[in-house]
Amino acid sequence: PKMPRTGYFHNGVPIPVPPVEVLNLADTHTKPHYLILFFDTKRTWQWLPRDKLEPLGVDTELDKGKLIQSKKPSERKAVKKAYEEAILHRCRVTGETVDLQSCQTREGQEGEEKTEEKPATEKSNSKKKK
């Protein structure tokens, strides 16, 4: 992508600049690829073909499905956090507003409650043993 190496602001929001090494990888692809910034903990950049991309924040049901796709609770939590950060970034850039609660899943909320209850139960059990 053609953009200043120092970055720029859109609607007052800083737009991240990919590392030069990532930009140079564009030449390694023969088919069109799109540069994607993942909102994971490391803010990973990756070139992906169109068939590996799905729109974010367009279809609430699709988003809900993606949020619960992983079997591991820690991965689901990381995906939820990344999703929220990506949606909030898009909202800051575009000026639109989105209700993140509309993408909460019943399963996800129950899973969080169980996770929160478990440590309390463990504490209760350890007090009984003493």
C-alpha atoms as a PDB file:
ATOM      1  CA  PRO A   1       0.000   0.000   0.000  1.00  0.00           C
ATOM      2  CA  LYS A   2       1.076   3.518  -0.714  1.00  0.00           C
ATOM      3  CA  MET A   3       1.178   5.373   2.557  1.00  0.00           C
ATOM      4  CA  PRO A   4       3.666   7.551   4.386  1.00  0.00           C
ATOM      5  CA  ARG A   5       6.273   5.607   6.365  1.00  0.00           C
ATOM      6  CA  THR A   6       5.702   7.911   9.312  1.00  0.00           C
ATOM      7  CA  GLY A   7       2.018   7.043   9.419  1.00  0.00           C
ATOM      8  CA  TYR A   8      -0.921   9.377   9.326  1.00  0.00           C
ATOM      9  CA  PHE A   9      -4.183  10.246  11.049  1.00  0.00           C
ATOM     10  CA  HIS A  10      -7.693   9.700   9.729  1.00  0.00           C
ATOM     11  CA  ASN A  11     -10.453  11.544  11.588  1.00  0.00           C
ATOM     12  CA  GLY A  12      -7.884  12.167  14.334  1.00  0.00           C
ATOM     13  CA  VAL A  13      -7.130   8.437  14.759  1.00  0.00           C
ATOM     14  CA  PRO A  14      -3.586   7.190  14.124  1.00  0.00           C
ATOM     15  CA  ILE A  15      -3.462   4.596  11.355  1.00  0.00           C
ATOM     16  CA  PRO A  16      -0.820   1.922  12.071  1.00  0.00           C
ATOM     17  CA  VAL A  17       2.058   1.567   9.625  1.00  0.00           C
ATOM     18  CA  PRO A  18       3.217  -1.946   8.691  1.00  0.00           C
ATOM     19  CA  PRO A  19       6.917  -2.788   9.018  1.00  0.00           C
ATOM     20  CA  VAL A  20       8.970  -2.556   5.803  1.00  0.00           C
ATOM     21  CA  GLU A  21       9.647  -6.326   5.961  1.00  0.00           C
ATOM     22  CA  VAL A  22       5.903  -6.992   5.832  1.00  0.00           C
ATOM     23  CA  LEU A  23       5.429  -4.589   2.921  1.00  0.00           C
ATOM     24  CA  ASN A  24       8.255  -6.325   1.023  1.00  0.00           C
ATOM     25  CA  LEU A  25       6.388  -9.649   1.319  1.00  0.00           C
ATOM     26  CA  ALA A  26       3.762  -8.298  -1.088  1.00  0.00           C
ATOM     27  CA  ASP A  27       6.104  -9.066  -3.976  1.00  0.00           C
ATOM     28  CA  THR A  28       6.184 -12.772  -3.067  1.00  0.00           C
ATOM     29  CA  HIS A  29       2.536 -13.328  -4.042  1.00  0.00           C
ATOM     30  CA  THR A  30       1.377 -14.045  -7.585  1.00  0.00           C
ATOM     31  CA  LYS A  31      -2.353 -13.641  -6.851  1.00  0.00           C
ATOM     32  CA  PRO A  32      -3.867 -10.551  -5.194  1.00  0.00           C
ATOM     33  CA  HIS A  33      -3.417 -10.483  -1.435  1.00  0.00           C
ATOM     34  CA  TYR A  34      -4.632  -7.968   1.124  1.00  0.00           C
ATOM     35  CA  LEU A  35      -2.584  -6.579   3.983  1.00  0.00           C
ATOM     36  CA  ILE A  36      -4.347  -7.296   7.273  1.00  0.00           C
ATOM     37  CA  LEU A  37      -3.594  -5.961  10.732  1.00  0.00           C
ATOM     38  CA  PHE A  38      -4.679  -8.419  13.402  1.00  0.00           C
ATOM     39  CA  PHE A  39      -5.766  -6.956  16.714  1.00  0.00           C
ATOM     40  CA  ASP A  40      -4.016  -9.697  18.667  1.00  0.00           C
ATOM     41  CA  THR A  41      -1.626  -8.951  21.535  1.00  0.00           C
ATOM     42  CA  LYS A  42       1.305  -8.554  19.121  1.00  0.00           C
ATOM     43  CA  ARG A  43      -0.629  -6.547  16.499  1.00  0.00           C
ATOM     44  CA  THR A  44       0.444  -8.983  13.765  1.00  0.00           C
ATOM     45  CA  TRP A  45       0.436  -8.013  10.073  1.00  0.00           C
ATOM     46  CA  GLN A  46      -0.203 -10.612   7.374  1.00  0.00           C
ATOM     47  CA  TRP A  47      -0.924 -10.764   3.640  1.00  0.00           C
ATOM     48  CA  LEU A  48      -4.020 -12.891   2.943  1.00  0.00           C
ATOM     49  CA  PRO A  49      -5.949 -13.864  -0.204  1.00  0.00           C
ATOM     50  CA  ARG A  50      -9.567 -12.748  -0.498  1.00  0.00           C
ATOM     51  CA  ASP A  51     -10.936 -16.242   0.122  1.00  0.00           C
ATOM     52  CA  LYS A  52      -9.435 -16.192   3.633  1.00  0.00           C
ATOM     53  CA  LEU A  53     -11.173 -12.933   4.581  1.00  0.00           C
ATOM     54  CA  GLU A  54     -14.615 -12.339   6.018  1.00  0.00           C
ATOM     55  CA  PRO A  55     -16.174  -8.953   6.739  1.00  0.00           C
ATOM     56  CA  LEU A  56     -16.014  -7.810  10.342  1.00  0.00           C
ATOM     57  CA  GLY A  57     -19.007  -6.223  12.027  1.00  0.00           C
ATOM     58  CA  VAL A  58     -21.359  -6.621   9.068  1.00  0.00           C
ATOM     59  CA  ASP A  59     -23.221  -9.801  10.005  1.00  0.00           C
ATOM     60  CA  THR A  60     -23.864 -10.140  13.757  1.00  0.00           C
ATOM     61  CA  GLU A  61     -24.587 -13.865  13.487  1.00  0.00           C
ATOM     62  CA  LEU A  62     -21.320 -14.497  11.623  1.00  0.00           C
ATOM     63  CA  ASP A  63     -19.458 -12.478  14.269  1.00  0.00           C
ATOM     64  CA  LYS A  64     -21.105 -14.436  17.086  1.00  0.00           C
ATOM     65  CA  GLY A  65     -20.093 -17.693  15.423  1.00  0.00           C
ATOM     66  CA  LYS A  66     -16.481 -16.575  15.100  1.00  0.00           C
ATOM     67  CA  LEU A  67     -16.405 -15.444  18.740  1.00  0.00           C
ATOM     68  CA  ILE A  68     -17.246 -18.951  19.997  1.00  0.00           C
ATOM     69  CA  GLN A  69     -15.449 -20.959  17.303  1.00  0.00           C
ATOM     70  CA  SER A  70     -12.454 -21.950  19.443  1.00  0.00           C
ATOM     71  CA  LYS A  71     -12.801 -24.798  21.929  1.00  0.00           C
ATOM     72  CA  LYS A  72     -10.305 -23.267  24.366  1.00  0.00           C
ATOM     73  CA  PRO A  73     -11.702 -20.604  26.726  1.00  0.00           C
ATOM     74  CA  SER A  74      -8.419 -18.660  26.656  1.00  0.00           C
ATOM     75  CA  GLU A  75      -8.544 -18.463  22.855  1.00  0.00           C
ATOM     76  CA  ARG A  76     -12.207 -17.402  22.918  1.00  0.00           C
ATOM     77  CA  LYS A  77     -11.296 -14.657  25.381  1.00  0.00           C
ATOM     78  CA  ALA A  78      -8.405 -13.474  23.173  1.00  0.00           C
ATOM     79  CA  VAL A  79     -10.640 -13.494  20.072  1.00  0.00           C
ATOM     80  CA  LYS A  80     -13.330 -11.515  21.910  1.00  0.00           C
ATOM     81  CA  LYS A  81     -10.808  -8.917  23.074  1.00  0.00           C
ATOM     82  CA  ALA A  82      -9.282  -8.590  19.578  1.00  0.00           C
ATOM     83  CA  TYR A  83     -12.762  -8.331  18.031  1.00  0.00           C
ATOM     84  CA  GLU A  84     -13.752  -5.554  20.428  1.00  0.00           C
ATOM     85  CA  GLU A  85     -10.516  -3.643  19.801  1.00  0.00           C
ATOM     86  CA  ALA A  86     -10.938  -3.959  16.026  1.00  0.00           C
ATOM     87  CA  ILE A  87     -14.556  -2.780  16.125  1.00  0.00           C
ATOM     88  CA  LEU A  88     -13.690   0.148  18.414  1.00  0.00           C
ATOM     89  CA  HIS A  89     -10.806   1.150  16.129  1.00  0.00           C
ATOM     90  CA  ARG A  90     -13.103   1.049  13.106  1.00  0.00           C
ATOM     91  CA  CYS A  91     -15.659   3.164  14.968  1.00  0.00           C
ATOM     92  CA  ARG A  92     -13.040   5.768  15.892  1.00  0.00           C
ATOM     93  CA  VAL A  93     -11.801   5.919  12.295  1.00  0.00           C
ATOM     94  CA  THR A  94     -15.230   6.038  10.621  1.00  0.00           C
ATOM     95  CA  GLY A  95     -17.125   7.936  13.302  1.00  0.00           C
ATOM     96  CA  GLU A  96     -19.851   5.276  13.430  1.00  0.00           C
ATOM     97  CA  THR A  97     -21.109   3.658  16.615  1.00  0.00           C
ATOM     98  CA  VAL A  98     -21.626  -0.033  17.280  1.00  0.00           C
ATOM     99  CA  ASP A  99     -23.231  -1.810  20.212  1.00  0.00           C
ATOM    100  CA  LEU A 100     -20.684  -4.460  21.162  1.00  0.00           C
ATOM    101  CA  GLN A 101     -23.258  -6.111  23.433  1.00  0.00           C
ATOM    102  CA  SER A 102     -25.282  -7.099  20.363  1.00  0.00           C
ATOM    103  CA  CYS A 103     -22.450  -9.472  19.418  1.00  0.00           C
ATOM    104  CA  GLN A 104     -22.300 -11.122  22.835  1.00  0.00           C
ATOM    105  CA  THR A 105     -23.348 -14.734  22.739  1.00  0.00           C
ATOM    106  CA  ARG A 106     -25.396 -16.509  25.355  1.00  0.00           C
ATOM    107  CA  GLU A 107     -22.777 -19.271  25.462  1.00  0.00           C
ATOM    108  CA  GLY A 108     -19.918 -16.776  25.834  1.00  0.00           C
ATOM    109  CA  GLN A 109     -21.603 -14.998  28.731  1.00  0.00           C
ATOM    110  CA  GLU A 110     -22.326 -18.274  30.534  1.00  0.00           C
ATOM    111  CA  GLY A 111     -18.743 -19.433  29.962  1.00  0.00           C
ATOM    112  CA  GLU A 112     -17.418 -16.243  31.546  1.00  0.00           C
ATOM    113  CA  GLU A 113     -19.688 -16.626  34.550  1.00  0.00           C
ATOM    114  CA  LYS A 114     -18.515 -20.202  35.097  1.00  0.00           C
ATOM    115  CA  THR A 115     -14.888 -19.103  34.851  1.00  0.00           C
ATOM    116  CA  GLU A 116     -15.473 -16.406  37.450  1.00  0.00           C
ATOM    117  CA  GLU A 117     -17.321 -18.767  39.800  1.00  0.00           C
ATOM    118  CA  LYS A 118     -14.660 -21.474  39.674  1.00  0.00           C
ATOM    119  CA  PRO A 119     -11.896 -19.569  41.553  1.00  0.00           C
ATOM    120  CA  ALA A 120     -14.399 -18.571  44.246  1.00  0.00           C
ATOM    121  CA  THR A 121     -15.368 -22.246  44.674  1.00  0.00           C
ATOM    122  CA  GLU A 122     -11.713 -23.264  44.907  1.00  0.00           C
ATOM    123  CA  LYS A 123     -11.134 -20.652  47.617  1.00  0.00           C
ATOM    124  CA  SER A 124     -14.149 -21.909  49.524  1.00  0.00           C
ATOM    125  CA  ASN A 125     -12.913 -25.496  49.319  1.00  0.00           C
ATOM    126  CA  SER A 126      -9.411 -24.578  50.493  1.00  0.00           C
ATOM    127  CA  LYS A 127     -10.834 -22.725  53.502  1.00  0.00           C
ATOM    128  CA  LYS A 128     -12.877 -25.801  54.444  1.00  0.00           C
ATOM    129  CA  LYS A 129      -9.804 -28.041  54.312  1.00  0.00           C
ATOM    130  CA  LYS A 130      -7.901 -25.836  56.810  1.00  0.00           C
END
